[in-house]
Amino acid sequence: MRKTRVCIALAIVSMASLMSITSLNAHAQGSLELSDLRGVVDPGGVTGYISGIATNTSGAPIDNATITINLLNAQGEILGTTQVKGTAIAPGQRWRFRAPTAQPYDQSVVTVKTS
């Protein structure tokens, strides 16, 4: 039987500040630690991406990892979702991820699931 871990971190992003994440340091997500989270908007102001680094801080390989990011408006309502998946992440390995965004948003909620 496989163990599955689900953890949540909140990241606030603002279109007015070019999608920069204002107050986010490294956040432990079970056996993955997220750091360097950034929101980037392409020149048209609509599409872009959220990128970061996920580090396997456990002593065991992570077979599968899914980072899901809900894109929210200022009232906290979900406007859309983006997702990236990683596989075979070795202990200590750093995985640079980049999740595309297809609409403007005010904040995001990041969820990490590993197995």
PDB file of N, CA and C in Angstrom:
ATOM      1  N   MET A   1       0.838  -1.170   0.000  1.00  0.00           N
ATOM      2  CA  MET A   1       0.000   0.000   0.000  1.00  0.00           C
ATOM      3  C   MET A   1       0.888   1.240   0.000  1.00  0.00           C
ATOM      4  N   ARG A   2       0.572   2.210  -0.836  1.00  0.00           N
ATOM      5  CA  ARG A   2       1.343   3.441  -0.925  1.00  0.00           C
ATOM      6  C   ARG A   2       0.799   4.486   0.032  1.00  0.00           C
ATOM      7  N   LYS A   3       1.706   5.253   0.602  1.00  0.00           N
ATOM      8  CA  LYS A   3       1.302   6.372   1.431  1.00  0.00           C
ATOM      9  C   LYS A   3       1.147   7.586   0.532  1.00  0.00           C
ATOM     10  N   THR A   4       0.133   8.368   0.777  1.00  0.00           N
ATOM     11  CA  THR A   4      -0.074   9.607   0.044  1.00  0.00           C
ATOM     12  C   THR A   4      -0.122  10.738   1.053  1.00  0.00           C
ATOM     13  N   ARG A   5       0.605  11.799   0.765  1.00  0.00           N
ATOM     14  CA  ARG A   5       0.622  12.957   1.649  1.00  0.00           C
ATOM     15  C   ARG A   5       0.056  14.145   0.894  1.00  0.00           C
ATOM     16  N   VAL A   6      -0.787  14.907   1.565  1.00  0.00           N
ATOM     17  CA  VAL A   6      -1.337  16.122   0.982  1.00  0.00           C
ATOM     18  C   VAL A   6      -1.122  17.242   1.982  1.00  0.00           C
ATOM     19  N   CYS A   7      -0.518  18.334   1.528  1.00  0.00           N
ATOM     20  CA  CYS A   7      -0.283  19.493   2.374  1.00  0.00           C
ATOM     21  C   CYS A   7      -0.632  20.749   1.592  1.00  0.00           C
ATOM     22  N   ILE A   8      -0.931  21.836   2.307  1.00  0.00           N
ATOM     23  CA  ILE A   8      -1.353  23.067   1.655  1.00  0.00           C
ATOM     24  C   ILE A   8      -0.537  24.241   2.177  1.00  0.00           C
ATOM     25  N   ALA A   9      -0.186  25.161   1.274  1.00  0.00           N
ATOM     26  CA  ALA A   9       0.449  26.425   1.636  1.00  0.00           C
ATOM     27  C   ALA A   9      -0.273  27.528   0.883  1.00  0.00           C
ATOM     28  N   LEU A  10      -0.343  28.711   1.462  1.00  0.00           N
ATOM     29  CA  LEU A  10      -1.004  29.834   0.813  1.00  0.00           C
ATOM     30  C   LEU A  10       0.043  30.802   0.305  1.00  0.00           C
ATOM     31  N   ALA A  11      -0.081  31.175  -0.950  1.00  0.00           N
ATOM     32  CA  ALA A  11       0.834  32.143  -1.545  1.00  0.00           C
ATOM     33  C   ALA A  11       0.006  33.285  -2.107  1.00  0.00           C
ATOM     34  N   ILE A  12       0.303  34.506  -1.722  1.00  0.00           N
ATOM     35  CA  ILE A  12      -0.423  35.668  -2.215  1.00  0.00           C
ATOM     36  C   ILE A  12       0.349  36.272  -3.380  1.00  0.00           C
ATOM     37  N   VAL A  13      -0.351  36.485  -4.496  1.00  0.00           N
ATOM     38  CA  VAL A  13       0.262  37.113  -5.654  1.00  0.00           C
ATOM     39  C   VAL A  13      -0.611  38.268  -6.096  1.00  0.00           C
ATOM     40  N   SER A  14      -0.005  39.278  -6.667  1.00  0.00           N
ATOM     41  CA  SER A  14      -0.731  40.466  -7.068  1.00  0.00           C
ATOM     42  C   SER A  14      -0.409  40.842  -8.499  1.00  0.00           C
ATOM     43  N   MET A  15      -1.433  41.063  -9.322  1.00  0.00           N
ATOM     44  CA  MET A  15      -1.221  41.516 -10.696  1.00  0.00           C
ATOM     45  C   MET A  15      -0.532  42.879 -10.685  1.00  0.00           C
ATOM     46  N   ALA A  16      -0.887  43.738  -9.740  1.00  0.00           N
ATOM     47  CA  ALA A  16      -0.320  45.080  -9.693  1.00  0.00           C
ATOM     48  C   ALA A  16       1.183  45.050  -9.471  1.00  0.00           C
ATOM     49  N   SER A  17       1.688  44.039  -8.805  1.00  0.00           N
ATOM     50  CA  SER A  17       3.133  43.952  -8.564  1.00  0.00           C
ATOM     51  C   SER A  17       3.770  42.908  -9.471  1.00  0.00           C
ATOM     52  N   LEU A  18       3.234  42.755 -10.680  1.00  0.00           N
ATOM     53  CA  LEU A  18       3.762  41.830 -11.685  1.00  0.00           C
ATOM     54  C   LEU A  18       3.847  40.405 -11.167  1.00  0.00           C
ATOM     55  N   MET A  19       2.839  39.996 -10.451  1.00  0.00           N
ATOM     56  CA  MET A  19       2.690  38.632  -9.979  1.00  0.00           C
ATOM     57  C   MET A  19       3.777  38.196  -8.999  1.00  0.00           C
ATOM     58  N   SER A  20       4.386  39.115  -8.311  1.00  0.00           N
ATOM     59  CA  SER A  20       5.396  38.700  -7.339  1.00  0.00           C
ATOM     60  C   SER A  20       4.707  38.143  -6.095  1.00  0.00           C
ATOM     61  N   ILE A  21       5.320  37.167  -5.493  1.00  0.00           N
ATOM     62  CA  ILE A  21       4.780  36.581  -4.270  1.00  0.00           C
ATOM     63  C   ILE A  21       5.383  37.364  -3.123  1.00  0.00           C
ATOM     64  N   THR A  22       4.531  38.048  -2.378  1.00  0.00           N
ATOM     65  CA  THR A  22       5.000  39.072  -1.468  1.00  0.00           C
ATOM     66  C   THR A  22       5.606  38.577  -0.163  1.00  0.00           C
ATOM     67  N   SER A  23       5.061  37.537   0.428  1.00  0.00           N
ATOM     68  CA  SER A  23       5.568  37.142   1.743  1.00  0.00           C
ATOM     69  C   SER A  23       5.650  35.630   1.873  1.00  0.00           C
ATOM     70  N   LEU A  24       6.440  35.026   1.017  1.00  0.00           N
ATOM     71  CA  LEU A  24       6.525  33.572   1.040  1.00  0.00           C
ATOM     72  C   LEU A  24       7.980  33.142   1.113  1.00  0.00           C
ATOM     73  N   ASN A  25       8.321  32.414   2.148  1.00  0.00           N
ATOM     74  CA  ASN A  25       9.634  31.794   2.267  1.00  0.00           C
ATOM     75  C   ASN A  25       9.476  30.327   1.919  1.00  0.00           C
ATOM     76  N   ALA A  26      10.484  29.540   2.199  1.00  0.00           N
ATOM     77  CA  ALA A  26      10.382  28.101   1.947  1.00  0.00           C
ATOM     78  C   ALA A  26       9.290  27.518   2.839  1.00  0.00           C
ATOM     79  N   HIS A  27       8.460  26.657   2.272  1.00  0.00           N
ATOM     80  CA  HIS A  27       7.385  26.005   3.022  1.00  0.00           C
ATOM     81  C   HIS A  27       7.524  24.500   2.896  1.00  0.00           C
ATOM     82  N   ALA A  28       7.553  23.818   4.008  1.00  0.00           N
ATOM     83  CA  ALA A  28       7.638  22.359   3.982  1.00  0.00           C
ATOM     84  C   ALA A  28       6.297  21.782   3.564  1.00  0.00           C
ATOM     85  N   GLN A  29       6.314  20.826   2.676  1.00  0.00           N
ATOM     86  CA  GLN A  29       5.107  20.182   2.172  1.00  0.00           C
ATOM     87  C   GLN A  29       5.237  18.684   2.394  1.00  0.00           C
ATOM     88  N   GLY A  30       5.276  18.241   3.624  1.00  0.00           N
ATOM     89  CA  GLY A  30       5.511  16.829   3.890  1.00  0.00           C
ATOM     90  C   GLY A  30       6.948  16.514   3.551  1.00  0.00           C
ATOM     91  N   SER A  31       7.176  15.733   2.516  1.00  0.00           N
ATOM     92  CA  SER A  31       8.532  15.375   2.122  1.00  0.00           C
ATOM     93  C   SER A  31       9.078  16.276   1.019  1.00  0.00           C
ATOM     94  N   LEU A  32       8.303  17.268   0.567  1.00  0.00           N
ATOM     95  CA  LEU A  32       8.790  18.249  -0.399  1.00  0.00           C
ATOM     96  C   LEU A  32       8.806  19.623   0.254  1.00  0.00           C
ATOM     97  N   GLU A  33       9.869  20.376   0.017  1.00  0.00           N
ATOM     98  CA  GLU A  33       9.951  21.743   0.504  1.00  0.00           C
ATOM     99  C   GLU A  33       9.892  22.665  -0.705  1.00  0.00           C
ATOM    100  N   LEU A  34       8.936  23.597  -0.708  1.00  0.00           N
ATOM    101  CA  LEU A  34       8.803  24.546  -1.806  1.00  0.00           C
ATOM    102  C   LEU A  34       9.567  25.814  -1.483  1.00  0.00           C
ATOM    103  N   SER A  35      10.256  26.350  -2.480  1.00  0.00           N
ATOM    104  CA  SER A  35      10.971  27.607  -2.314  1.00  0.00           C
ATOM    105  C   SER A  35      10.987  28.352  -3.645  1.00  0.00           C
ATOM    106  N   ASP A  36      11.391  29.603  -3.593  1.00  0.00           N
ATOM    107  CA  ASP A  36      11.532  30.452  -4.785  1.00  0.00           C
ATOM    108  C   ASP A  36      10.267  30.501  -5.639  1.00  0.00           C
ATOM    109  N   LEU A  37       9.088  30.505  -4.995  1.00  0.00           N
ATOM    110  CA  LEU A  37       7.844  30.606  -5.758  1.00  0.00           C
ATOM    111  C   LEU A  37       7.729  32.000  -6.362  1.00  0.00           C
ATOM    112  N   ARG A  38       7.414  32.040  -7.666  1.00  0.00           N
ATOM    113  CA  ARG A  38       7.285  33.309  -8.374  1.00  0.00           C
ATOM    114  C   ARG A  38       6.124  33.228  -9.352  1.00  0.00           C
ATOM    115  N   GLY A  39       5.400  34.323  -9.453  1.00  0.00           N
ATOM    116  CA  GLY A  39       4.368  34.453 -10.474  1.00  0.00           C
ATOM    117  C   GLY A  39       4.858  35.413 -11.537  1.00  0.00           C
ATOM    118  N   VAL A  40       4.737  35.047 -12.794  1.00  0.00           N
ATOM    119  CA  VAL A  40       5.195  35.880 -13.913  1.00  0.00           C
ATOM    120  C   VAL A  40       4.039  36.057 -14.882  1.00  0.00           C
ATOM    121  N   VAL A  41       3.849  37.300 -15.346  1.00  0.00           N
ATOM    122  CA  VAL A  41       2.815  37.601 -16.327  1.00  0.00           C
ATOM    123  C   VAL A  41       3.493  37.930 -17.645  1.00  0.00           C
ATOM    124  N   ASP A  42       3.014  37.314 -18.718  1.00  0.00           N
ATOM    125  CA  ASP A  42       3.540  37.614 -20.046  1.00  0.00           C
ATOM    126  C   ASP A  42       3.128  39.031 -20.445  1.00  0.00           C
ATOM    127  N   PRO A  43       3.809  39.636 -21.450  1.00  0.00           N
ATOM    128  CA  PRO A  43       3.561  41.032 -21.819  1.00  0.00           C
ATOM    129  C   PRO A  43       2.097  41.403 -22.063  1.00  0.00           C
ATOM    130  N   GLY A  44       1.264  40.499 -22.542  1.00  0.00           N
ATOM    131  CA  GLY A  44      -0.142  40.816 -22.779  1.00  0.00           C
ATOM    132  C   GLY A  44      -0.961  40.992 -21.509  1.00  0.00           C
ATOM    133  N   GLY A  45      -0.418  40.588 -20.352  1.00  0.00           N
ATOM    134  CA  GLY A  45      -1.088  40.771 -19.077  1.00  0.00           C
ATOM    135  C   GLY A  45      -2.100  39.706 -18.710  1.00  0.00           C
ATOM    136  N   VAL A  46      -2.229  38.653 -19.511  1.00  0.00           N
ATOM    137  CA  VAL A  46      -3.230  37.625 -19.222  1.00  0.00           C
ATOM    138  C   VAL A  46      -2.566  36.300 -18.866  1.00  0.00           C
ATOM    139  N   THR A  47      -1.751  35.765 -19.753  1.00  0.00           N
ATOM    140  CA  THR A  47      -1.111  34.471 -19.511  1.00  0.00           C
ATOM    141  C   THR A  47       0.205  34.650 -18.764  1.00  0.00           C
ATOM    142  N   GLY A  48       0.736  33.564 -18.279  1.00  0.00           N
ATOM    143  CA  GLY A  48       2.005  33.594 -17.569  1.00  0.00           C
ATOM    144  C   GLY A  48       2.278  32.235 -16.959  1.00  0.00           C
ATOM    145  N   TYR A  49       2.975  32.234 -15.819  1.00  0.00           N
ATOM    146  CA  TYR A  49       3.279  30.978 -15.149  1.00  0.00           C
ATOM    147  C   TYR A  49       3.654  31.239 -13.701  1.00  0.00           C
ATOM    148  N   ILE A  50       3.582  30.186 -12.905  1.00  0.00           N
ATOM    149  CA  ILE A  50       4.087  30.187 -11.537  1.00  0.00           C
ATOM    150  C   ILE A  50       5.202  29.163 -11.511  1.00  0.00           C
ATOM    151  N   SER A  51       6.367  29.580 -11.032  1.00  0.00           N
ATOM    152  CA  SER A  51       7.515  28.674 -10.993  1.00  0.00           C
ATOM    153  C   SER A  51       8.055  28.589  -9.575  1.00  0.00           C
ATOM    154  N   GLY A  52       8.880  27.592  -9.352  1.00  0.00           N
ATOM    155  CA  GLY A  52       9.504  27.425  -8.057  1.00  0.00           C
ATOM    156  C   GLY A  52      10.389  26.202  -8.035  1.00  0.00           C
ATOM    157  N   ILE A  53      10.881  25.896  -6.852  1.00  0.00           N
ATOM    158  CA  ILE A  53      11.733  24.729  -6.649  1.00  0.00           C
ATOM    159  C   ILE A  53      11.090  23.861  -5.570  1.00  0.00           C
ATOM    160  N   ALA A  54      10.972  22.574  -5.843  1.00  0.00           N
ATOM    161  CA  ALA A  54      10.490  21.597  -4.862  1.00  0.00           C
ATOM    162  C   ALA A  54      11.661  20.671  -4.546  1.00  0.00           C
ATOM    163  N   THR A  55      12.062  20.616  -3.283  1.00  0.00           N
ATOM    164  CA  THR A  55      13.193  19.796  -2.857  1.00  0.00           C
ATOM    165  C   THR A  55      12.692  18.617  -2.029  1.00  0.00           C
ATOM    166  N   ASN A  56      13.144  17.417  -2.385  1.00  0.00           N
ATOM    167  CA  ASN A  56      12.799  16.219  -1.623  1.00  0.00           C
ATOM    168  C   ASN A  56      13.633  16.220  -0.347  1.00  0.00           C
ATOM    169  N   THR A  57      12.985  16.506   0.774  1.00  0.00           N
ATOM    170  CA  THR A  57      13.684  16.570   2.058  1.00  0.00           C
ATOM    171  C   THR A  57      13.580  15.268   2.847  1.00  0.00           C
ATOM    172  N   SER A  58      12.967  14.257   2.241  1.00  0.00           N
ATOM    173  CA  SER A  58      12.851  12.968   2.921  1.00  0.00           C
ATOM    174  C   SER A  58      14.092  12.124   2.628  1.00  0.00           C
ATOM    175  N   GLY A  59      14.185  11.018   3.281  1.00  0.00           N
ATOM    176  CA  GLY A  59      15.283  10.092   3.032  1.00  0.00           C
ATOM    177  C   GLY A  59      14.950   9.042   1.994  1.00  0.00           C
ATOM    178  N   ALA A  60      13.810   9.197   1.329  1.00  0.00           N
ATOM    179  CA  ALA A  60      13.356   8.190   0.363  1.00  0.00           C
ATOM    180  C   ALA A  60      12.951   8.863  -0.947  1.00  0.00           C
ATOM    181  N   PRO A  61      13.026   8.124  -2.045  1.00  0.00           N
ATOM    182  CA  PRO A  61      12.575   8.687  -3.322  1.00  0.00           C
ATOM    183  C   PRO A  61      11.069   8.961  -3.290  1.00  0.00           C
ATOM    184  N   ILE A  62      10.658   9.961  -4.031  1.00  0.00           N
ATOM    185  CA  ILE A  62       9.238  10.248  -4.220  1.00  0.00           C
ATOM    186  C   ILE A  62       8.890   9.778  -5.620  1.00  0.00           C
ATOM    187  N   ASP A  63       8.019   8.779  -5.704  1.00  0.00           N
ATOM    188  CA  ASP A  63       7.649   8.222  -7.009  1.00  0.00           C
ATOM    189  C   ASP A  63       6.881   9.228  -7.852  1.00  0.00           C
ATOM    190  N   ASN A  64       5.907   9.887  -7.239  1.00  0.00           N
ATOM    191  CA  ASN A  64       5.059  10.841  -7.951  1.00  0.00           C
ATOM    192  C   ASN A  64       4.787  12.042  -7.066  1.00  0.00           C
ATOM    193  N   ALA A  65       4.831  13.229  -7.655  1.00  0.00           N
ATOM    194  CA  ALA A  65       4.472  14.459  -6.951  1.00  0.00           C
ATOM    195  C   ALA A  65       3.600  15.292  -7.876  1.00  0.00           C
ATOM    196  N   THR A  66       2.548  15.857  -7.316  1.00  0.00           N
ATOM    197  CA  THR A  66       1.671  16.739  -8.070  1.00  0.00           C
ATOM    198  C   THR A  66       1.553  18.049  -7.309  1.00  0.00           C
ATOM    199  N   ILE A  67       1.863  19.148  -7.989  1.00  0.00           N
ATOM    200  CA  ILE A  67       1.684  20.479  -7.422  1.00  0.00           C
ATOM    201  C   ILE A  67       0.487  21.089  -8.140  1.00  0.00           C
ATOM    202  N   THR A  68      -0.567  21.364  -7.380  1.00  0.00           N
ATOM    203  CA  THR A  68      -1.782  21.964  -7.921  1.00  0.00           C
ATOM    204  C   THR A  68      -1.899  23.371  -7.358  1.00  0.00           C
ATOM    205  N   ILE A  69      -2.174  24.330  -8.228  1.00  0.00           N
ATOM    206  CA  ILE A  69      -2.272  25.726  -7.817  1.00  0.00           C
ATOM    207  C   ILE A  69      -3.644  26.255  -8.224  1.00  0.00           C
ATOM    208  N   ASN A  70      -4.459  26.604  -7.226  1.00  0.00           N
ATOM    209  CA  ASN A  70      -5.742  27.245  -7.492  1.00  0.00           C
ATOM    210  C   ASN A  70      -5.512  28.744  -7.617  1.00  0.00           C
ATOM    211  N   LEU A  71      -6.018  29.328  -8.686  1.00  0.00           N
ATOM    212  CA  LEU A  71      -5.901  30.761  -8.941  1.00  0.00           C
ATOM    213  C   LEU A  71      -7.181  31.427  -8.451  1.00  0.00           C
ATOM    214  N   LEU A  72      -7.043  32.403  -7.556  1.00  0.00           N
ATOM    215  CA  LEU A  72      -8.194  33.013  -6.890  1.00  0.00           C
ATOM    216  C   LEU A  72      -8.319  34.497  -7.209  1.00  0.00           C
ATOM    217  N   ASN A  73      -9.553  35.015  -7.116  1.00  0.00           N
ATOM    218  CA  ASN A  73      -9.744  36.457  -7.221  1.00  0.00           C
ATOM    219  C   ASN A  73      -9.558  37.072  -5.836  1.00  0.00           C
ATOM    220  N   ALA A  74      -9.765  38.379  -5.719  1.00  0.00           N
ATOM    221  CA  ALA A  74      -9.542  39.073  -4.452  1.00  0.00           C
ATOM    222  C   ALA A  74     -10.497  38.602  -3.354  1.00  0.00           C
ATOM    223  N   GLN A  75     -11.651  38.042  -3.736  1.00  0.00           N
ATOM    224  CA  GLN A  75     -12.616  37.548  -2.757  1.00  0.00           C
ATOM    225  C   GLN A  75     -12.352  36.094  -2.360  1.00  0.00           C
ATOM    226  N   GLY A  76     -11.314  35.481  -2.921  1.00  0.00           N
ATOM    227  CA  GLY A  76     -10.971  34.103  -2.587  1.00  0.00           C
ATOM    228  C   GLY A  76     -11.712  33.060  -3.397  1.00  0.00           C
ATOM    229  N   GLU A  77     -12.404  33.480  -4.447  1.00  0.00           N
ATOM    230  CA  GLU A  77     -13.125  32.543  -5.309  1.00  0.00           C
ATOM    231  C   GLU A  77     -12.176  31.972  -6.357  1.00  0.00           C
ATOM    232  N   ILE A  78     -12.303  30.684  -6.636  1.00  0.00           N
ATOM    233  CA  ILE A  78     -11.423  30.028  -7.603  1.00  0.00           C
ATOM    234  C   ILE A  78     -11.786  30.454  -9.018  1.00  0.00           C
ATOM    235  N   LEU A  79     -10.785  30.984  -9.738  1.00  0.00           N
ATOM    236  CA  LEU A  79     -10.948  31.375 -11.136  1.00  0.00           C
ATOM    237  C   LEU A  79     -10.479  30.278 -12.081  1.00  0.00           C
ATOM    238  N   GLY A  80      -9.508  29.503 -11.631  1.00  0.00           N
ATOM    239  CA  GLY A  80      -8.940  28.444 -12.456  1.00  0.00           C
ATOM    240  C   GLY A  80      -7.908  27.670 -11.668  1.00  0.00           C
ATOM    241  N   THR A  81      -7.370  26.648 -12.290  1.00  0.00           N
ATOM    242  CA  THR A  81      -6.384  25.777 -11.653  1.00  0.00           C
ATOM    243  C   THR A  81      -5.299  25.437 -12.659  1.00  0.00           C
ATOM    244  N   THR A  82      -4.071  25.328 -12.170  1.00  0.00           N
ATOM    245  CA  THR A  82      -2.961  24.851 -12.988  1.00  0.00           C
ATOM    246  C   THR A  82      -2.236  23.766 -12.199  1.00  0.00           C
ATOM    247  N   GLN A  83      -1.519  22.902 -12.907  1.00  0.00           N
ATOM    248  CA  GLN A  83      -0.919  21.741 -12.241  1.00  0.00           C
ATOM    249  C   GLN A  83       0.358  21.315 -12.960  1.00  0.00           C
ATOM    250  N   VAL A  84       1.316  20.824 -12.186  1.00  0.00           N
ATOM    251  CA  VAL A  84       2.526  20.199 -12.737  1.00  0.00           C
ATOM    252  C   VAL A  84       2.761  18.894 -11.991  1.00  0.00           C
ATOM    253  N   LYS A  85       3.389  17.940 -12.683  1.00  0.00           N
ATOM    254  CA  LYS A  85       3.666  16.630 -12.085  1.00  0.00           C
ATOM    255  C   LYS A  85       5.147  16.302 -12.230  1.00  0.00           C
ATOM    256  N   GLY A  86       5.696  15.688 -11.187  1.00  0.00           N
ATOM    257  CA  GLY A  86       7.073  15.222 -11.207  1.00  0.00           C
ATOM    258  C   GLY A  86       7.116  13.758 -10.820  1.00  0.00           C
ATOM    259  N   THR A  87       8.127  13.046 -11.318  1.00  0.00           N
ATOM    260  CA  THR A  87       8.271  11.626 -10.996  1.00  0.00           C
ATOM    261  C   THR A  87       9.719  11.328 -10.630  1.00  0.00           C
ATOM    262  N   ALA A  88       9.893  10.265  -9.866  1.00  0.00           N
ATOM    263  CA  ALA A  88      11.218   9.752  -9.497  1.00  0.00           C
ATOM    264  C   ALA A  88      12.128  10.858  -8.961  1.00  0.00           C
ATOM    265  N   ILE A  89      11.680  11.535  -7.899  1.00  0.00           N
ATOM    266  CA  ILE A  89      12.460  12.606  -7.278  1.00  0.00           C
ATOM    267  C   ILE A  89      13.291  11.985  -6.155  1.00  0.00           C
ATOM    268  N   ALA A  90      14.590  11.967  -6.335  1.00  0.00           N
ATOM    269  CA  ALA A  90      15.506  11.319  -5.390  1.00  0.00           C
ATOM    270  C   ALA A  90      15.638  12.139  -4.106  1.00  0.00           C
ATOM    271  N   PRO A  91      16.044  11.497  -3.001  1.00  0.00           N
ATOM    272  CA  PRO A  91      16.280  12.239  -1.761  1.00  0.00           C
ATOM    273  C   PRO A  91      17.291  13.364  -2.001  1.00  0.00           C
ATOM    274  N   GLY A  92      16.954  14.558  -1.555  1.00  0.00           N
ATOM    275  CA  GLY A  92      17.829  15.711  -1.728  1.00  0.00           C
ATOM    276  C   GLY A  92      17.729  16.386  -3.089  1.00  0.00           C
ATOM    277  N   GLN A  93      17.053  15.766  -4.028  1.00  0.00           N
ATOM    278  CA  GLN A  93      16.950  16.332  -5.381  1.00  0.00           C
ATOM    279  C   GLN A  93      16.071  17.575  -5.385  1.00  0.00           C
ATOM    280  N   ARG A  94      16.483  18.564  -6.206  1.00  0.00           N
ATOM    281  CA  ARG A  94      15.715  19.791  -6.408  1.00  0.00           C
ATOM    282  C   ARG A  94      15.025  19.707  -7.761  1.00  0.00           C
ATOM    283  N   TRP A  95      13.718  19.892  -7.756  1.00  0.00           N
ATOM    284  CA  TRP A  95      12.923  19.852  -8.978  1.00  0.00           C
ATOM    285  C   TRP A  95      12.430  21.265  -9.266  1.00  0.00           C
ATOM    286  N   ARG A  96      12.877  21.829 -10.376  1.00  0.00           N
ATOM    287  CA  ARG A  96      12.393  23.149 -10.802  1.00  0.00           C
ATOM    288  C   ARG A  96      11.113  22.942 -11.604  1.00  0.00           C
ATOM    289  N   PHE A  97      10.043  23.570 -11.161  1.00  0.00           N
ATOM    290  CA  PHE A  97       8.769  23.397 -11.852  1.00  0.00           C
ATOM    291  C   PHE A  97       8.258  24.729 -12.387  1.00  0.00           C
ATOM    292  N   ARG A  98       7.374  24.619 -13.366  1.00  0.00           N
ATOM    293  CA  ARG A  98       6.774  25.799 -13.994  1.00  0.00           C
ATOM    294  C   ARG A  98       5.353  25.428 -14.414  1.00  0.00           C
ATOM    295  N   ALA A  99       4.364  26.064 -13.800  1.00  0.00           N
ATOM    296  CA  ALA A  99       2.953  25.783 -14.073  1.00  0.00           C
ATOM    297  C   ALA A  99       2.350  26.961 -14.838  1.00  0.00           C
ATOM    298  N   PRO A 100       1.795  26.723 -16.024  1.00  0.00           N
ATOM    299  CA  PRO A 100       1.239  27.816 -16.823  1.00  0.00           C
ATOM    300  C   PRO A 100      -0.043  28.384 -16.204  1.00  0.00           C
ATOM    301  N   THR A 101      -0.254  29.681 -16.390  1.00  0.00           N
ATOM    302  CA  THR A 101      -1.506  30.324 -15.980  1.00  0.00           C
ATOM    303  C   THR A 101      -2.156  30.921 -17.222  1.00  0.00           C
ATOM    304  N   ALA A 102      -3.483  30.858 -17.282  1.00  0.00           N
ATOM    305  CA  ALA A 102      -4.197  31.280 -18.488  1.00  0.00           C
ATOM    306  C   ALA A 102      -5.128  32.470 -18.262  1.00  0.00           C
ATOM    307  N   GLN A 103      -5.157  33.006 -17.036  1.00  0.00           N
ATOM    308  CA  GLN A 103      -6.001  34.168 -16.777  1.00  0.00           C
ATOM    309  C   GLN A 103      -5.418  34.970 -15.622  1.00  0.00           C
ATOM    310  N   PRO A 104      -5.780  36.261 -15.535  1.00  0.00           N
ATOM    311  CA  PRO A 104      -5.314  37.072 -14.407  1.00  0.00           C
ATOM    312  C   PRO A 104      -5.900  36.540 -13.092  1.00  0.00           C
ATOM    313  N   TYR A 105      -5.181  36.737 -11.988  1.00  0.00           N
ATOM    314  CA  TYR A 105      -5.650  36.310 -10.670  1.00  0.00           C
ATOM    315  C   TYR A 105      -5.009  37.183  -9.617  1.00  0.00           C
ATOM    316  N   ASP A 106      -5.550  37.172  -8.407  1.00  0.00           N
ATOM    317  CA  ASP A 106      -5.046  38.001  -7.315  1.00  0.00           C
ATOM    318  C   ASP A 106      -4.212  37.230  -6.304  1.00  0.00           C
ATOM    319  N   GLN A 107      -4.534  35.965  -6.098  1.00  0.00           N
ATOM    320  CA  GLN A 107      -3.802  35.140  -5.135  1.00  0.00           C
ATOM    321  C   GLN A 107      -3.876  33.687  -5.570  1.00  0.00           C
ATOM    322  N   SER A 108      -3.061  32.862  -4.937  1.00  0.00           N
ATOM    323  CA  SER A 108      -3.064  31.443  -5.298  1.00  0.00           C
ATOM    324  C   SER A 108      -2.916  30.580  -4.055  1.00  0.00           C
ATOM    325  N   VAL A 109      -3.474  29.376  -4.135  1.00  0.00           N
ATOM    326  CA  VAL A 109      -3.325  28.383  -3.073  1.00  0.00           C
ATOM    327  C   VAL A 109      -2.612  27.183  -3.685  1.00  0.00           C
ATOM    328  N   VAL A 110      -1.493  26.806  -3.083  1.00  0.00           N
ATOM    329  CA  VAL A 110      -0.648  25.733  -3.603  1.00  0.00           C
ATOM    330  C   VAL A 110      -0.883  24.471  -2.781  1.00  0.00           C
ATOM    331  N   THR A 111      -1.167  23.358  -3.461  1.00  0.00           N
ATOM    332  CA  THR A 111      -1.352  22.065  -2.810  1.00  0.00           C
ATOM    333  C   THR A 111      -0.342  21.081  -3.385  1.00  0.00           C
ATOM    334  N   VAL A 112       0.319  20.321  -2.516  1.00  0.00           N
ATOM    335  CA  VAL A 112       1.304  19.332  -2.953  1.00  0.00           C
ATOM    336  C   VAL A 112       0.840  17.956  -2.502  1.00  0.00           C
ATOM    337  N   LYS A 113       0.848  17.000  -3.426  1.00  0.00           N
ATOM    338  CA  LYS A 113       0.495  15.612  -3.111  1.00  0.00           C
ATOM    339  C   LYS A 113       1.656  14.733  -3.556  1.00  0.00           C
ATOM    340  N   THR A 114       2.147  13.867  -2.664  1.00  0.00           N
ATOM    341  CA  THR A 114       3.246  12.963  -3.005  1.00  0.00           C
ATOM    342  C   THR A 114       2.844  11.529  -2.708  1.00  0.00           C
ATOM    343  N   SER A 115       3.468  10.605  -3.445  1.00  0.00           N
ATOM    344  CA  SER A 115       3.257   9.180  -3.178  1.00  0.00           C
ATOM    345  C   SER A 115       4.500   8.421  -3.573  1.00  0.00           C
TER     346      SER A 115
END
